[in-house]
Protein backbone atom coordinates (compact mmCIF):
# COMPACT_ATOMS: atom_id res chain seq x y z
CA MET A 1 -15.22 -3.35 -6.87
CA GLU A 2 -12.07 -1.24 -7.06
CA ARG A 3 -10.24 0.18 -4.05
CA ILE A 4 -7.61 2.88 -4.02
CA HIS A 5 -4.41 2.45 -2.06
CA PRO A 6 -1.67 4.91 -1.14
CA ILE A 7 1.47 3.80 -2.92
CA ALA A 8 3.83 6.79 -2.65
CA LYS A 9 4.24 10.28 -1.27
CA VAL A 10 5.72 13.14 -3.31
CA SER A 11 8.86 14.06 -1.38
CA ALA A 12 10.76 16.58 -3.54
CA THR A 13 11.13 18.23 -6.91
CA THR A 14 14.05 17.45 -9.14
CA GLY A 15 15.11 19.46 -12.16
CA LEU A 16 13.23 22.35 -13.75
CA LYS A 17 10.73 20.50 -15.94
CA GLY A 18 8.26 19.27 -13.32
CA GLU A 19 9.88 16.01 -12.28
CA VAL A 20 9.47 14.78 -8.70
CA ARG A 21 10.86 12.16 -6.36
CA LEU A 22 8.55 9.74 -4.58
CA ARG A 23 8.85 7.96 -1.23
CA PRO A 24 7.27 4.49 -1.58
CA LEU A 25 4.49 3.59 0.86
CA SER A 26 4.03 0.06 -0.45
CA ARG A 27 6.17 -2.74 -1.81
CA TYR A 28 3.90 -2.58 -4.86
CA CYS A 29 4.80 1.02 -5.67
CA ASP A 30 7.06 0.36 -8.68
CA ASP A 31 4.63 -1.99 -10.39
CA TYR A 32 1.43 -0.11 -9.62
CA ILE A 33 2.71 3.32 -10.62
CA ARG A 34 3.34 2.02 -14.14
CA GLU A 35 0.34 -0.29 -14.57
CA LYS A 36 -2.60 1.12 -12.61
CA GLN A 37 -4.90 4.11 -12.77
CA LEU A 38 -3.37 6.82 -10.56
CA SER A 39 -4.67 9.78 -8.60
CA ILE A 40 -3.09 12.32 -6.26
CA GLY A 41 -4.32 14.19 -3.22
CA ILE A 42 -4.09 14.81 0.49
CA SER A 43 -6.63 12.05 1.26
CA PRO A 44 -8.37 9.32 -0.77
CA ASP A 45 -11.57 11.40 -0.78
CA THR A 46 -9.98 14.46 -2.41
CA THR A 47 -7.93 13.20 -5.33
CA ASN A 48 -7.37 14.23 -8.92
CA ALA A 49 -6.47 11.94 -11.81
CA LEU A 50 -2.76 11.58 -12.49
CA ILE A 51 -1.03 10.06 -15.52
CA LEU A 52 2.60 8.94 -15.48
CA GLU A 53 4.40 10.37 -18.49
CA ASP A 54 7.97 9.18 -17.95
CA THR A 55 10.51 7.90 -15.44
CA SER A 56 14.28 8.19 -15.36
CA GLY A 57 17.04 7.03 -13.04
CA MET A 58 17.05 4.06 -10.71
CA GLY A 59 16.38 3.29 -7.06
CA LYS A 60 16.32 6.26 -4.72
CA LYS A 61 17.44 8.55 -7.54
CA MET A 62 14.39 7.73 -9.68
CA ARG A 63 12.56 10.72 -11.16
CA PHE A 64 8.88 10.75 -12.10
CA LYS A 65 7.27 13.02 -14.69
CA PHE A 66 3.48 13.31 -14.73
CA GLU A 67 1.32 14.72 -17.54
CA GLY A 68 0.47 18.40 -17.12
CA ILE A 69 3.25 19.06 -14.59
CA ASN A 70 5.78 20.95 -16.70
CA SER A 71 7.51 23.36 -14.33
CA ILE A 72 9.26 23.30 -10.99
CA GLU A 73 6.48 25.53 -9.61
CA ALA A 74 3.79 23.00 -10.55
CA ALA A 75 5.90 20.18 -9.12
CA GLU A 76 6.40 22.06 -5.82
CA LYS A 77 2.61 22.12 -5.33
CA MET A 78 2.66 18.30 -5.36
CA ILE A 79 5.10 17.95 -2.44
CA GLY A 80 3.48 16.25 0.54
CA GLN A 81 0.60 14.83 -1.47
CA THR A 82 -0.04 11.10 -1.77
CA VAL A 83 -0.16 9.12 -5.00
CA TYR A 84 -2.95 6.53 -4.99
CA ALA A 85 -3.42 3.53 -7.28
CA SER A 86 -6.67 1.76 -8.13
CA ALA A 87 -6.72 -1.97 -7.49
CA ASN A 88 -9.38 -4.61 -8.07
CA ASN A 89 -10.34 -7.14 -5.39
CA ASP A 90 -7.83 -9.74 -6.65
CA ASP A 91 -4.77 -7.49 -6.33
CA LEU A 92 -2.26 -8.46 -3.65
CA ILE A 93 -2.06 -4.88 -2.39
CA ASN A 94 -5.47 -5.46 -0.75
CA LEU A 95 -3.71 -7.76 1.74
CA VAL A 96 -1.43 -5.00 3.09
CA GLY A 97 -3.39 -1.74 2.98
CA SER A 98 -3.58 0.52 6.03
CA ALA A 99 -7.38 0.16 5.92
CA LEU A 100 -6.88 -3.31 7.45
CA LEU A 101 -5.56 -1.99 10.77
CA ASP A 102 -7.83 -3.00 13.68
CA PHE A 103 -9.44 -5.82 11.66
CA LYS A 104 -10.00 -9.06 13.61
CA VAL A 105 -7.79 -11.94 12.53
CA ILE A 106 -9.49 -15.34 12.70
CA THR A 107 -8.57 -18.85 11.63
CA ASP A 108 -10.55 -20.76 9.04
CA GLY A 109 -11.71 -22.89 11.99
CA GLY A 110 -13.33 -19.85 13.63
CA ASP A 111 -10.75 -19.22 16.38
CA ILE A 112 -9.92 -15.57 17.11
CA VAL A 113 -6.20 -14.87 16.75
CA GLY A 114 -6.33 -11.17 17.70
CA VAL A 115 -6.46 -7.70 16.19
CA LEU A 116 -4.21 -6.45 13.37
CA LYS A 117 -2.04 -3.66 14.75
CA ASP A 118 0.59 -3.21 12.04
CA VAL A 119 1.85 -4.51 8.71
CA MET A 120 5.63 -4.80 8.54
CA TRP A 121 7.22 -4.38 5.12
CA LEU A 122 10.07 -6.91 5.07
CA PRO A 123 12.37 -7.87 2.17
CA ASN A 124 10.86 -11.31 1.46
CA CYS A 125 7.22 -10.77 2.40
CA ASP A 126 5.00 -8.53 4.44
CA VAL A 127 4.07 -9.62 7.96
CA TYR A 128 0.93 -8.93 10.00
CA VAL A 129 1.55 -7.89 13.61
CA VAL A 130 -1.46 -9.23 15.50
CA ASP A 131 -2.14 -8.37 19.15
CA ASN A 132 -4.00 -11.10 21.02
CA GLY A 133 -4.02 -9.30 24.39
CA GLU A 134 -1.13 -11.30 25.82
CA ARG A 135 1.49 -11.06 23.10
CA GLU A 136 2.09 -10.13 19.49
CA VAL A 137 1.83 -12.81 16.83
CA LEU A 138 3.64 -12.38 13.50
CA ILE A 139 1.81 -13.80 10.50
CA PRO A 140 3.41 -13.86 7.04
CA VAL A 141 1.25 -12.29 4.35
CA VAL A 142 1.38 -15.13 1.82
CA THR A 143 -1.55 -16.66 -0.05
CA GLU A 144 -0.98 -20.03 1.65
CA VAL A 145 -1.76 -18.41 5.03
CA VAL A 146 -3.97 -15.37 4.34
CA ARG A 147 -7.14 -16.77 2.77
CA LYS A 148 -9.63 -13.93 2.81
CA VAL A 149 -10.01 -10.25 3.65
CA ASN A 150 -13.57 -9.16 4.40
CA TYR A 151 -13.78 -5.36 4.33
CA GLU A 152 -17.51 -5.27 5.12
CA ASN A 153 -17.24 -7.26 8.39
CA GLU A 154 -13.64 -6.15 9.07
CA TYR A 155 -11.88 -9.46 9.46
CA ILE A 156 -8.98 -11.37 7.94
CA MET A 157 -9.21 -15.15 7.69
CA ILE A 158 -6.02 -17.20 7.87
CA THR A 159 -5.08 -20.86 7.64
CA PRO A 160 -2.32 -21.20 10.24
CA MET A 161 0.72 -23.32 9.42
CA ASP A 162 2.03 -25.72 12.06
CA GLY A 163 3.62 -23.74 14.88
CA LEU A 164 2.51 -20.33 13.60
CA LEU A 165 0.28 -19.50 16.56
CA ASP A 166 2.20 -21.40 19.27
């Protein structure tokens, strides 16, 4: 089953030929915008298909050109909308989506760790911020620790490393 994830927000137009600038919403933005099926809209329920035509520049100065957007006026209508990417169940983006907030976090031994309150986007890896009622626990989002995400029952299963939950 495929899920769609917000990967960027259209922040501004650039030039006169319909190019825009994007503000990344995920560490996977650069890869997914080039490789995945895209859509754009205000919410995931009201999107339209979007096809990347070209990119230019680097870093924060990167410009994106989408098919069918050929004027500054058309590009201005995109400002504030979110670009979504389709991802299958095996994609790593499923481990950091905002849909996971308020999921229970449990160990593979069945112990309840707490409730996911935030996902921090750090340079080396993302980190779950889990509230257990007494304190916040930080859990690195790496495949050695995060074993399973169950969207139907709203839980995340982890295998804690030594000292992780102490």
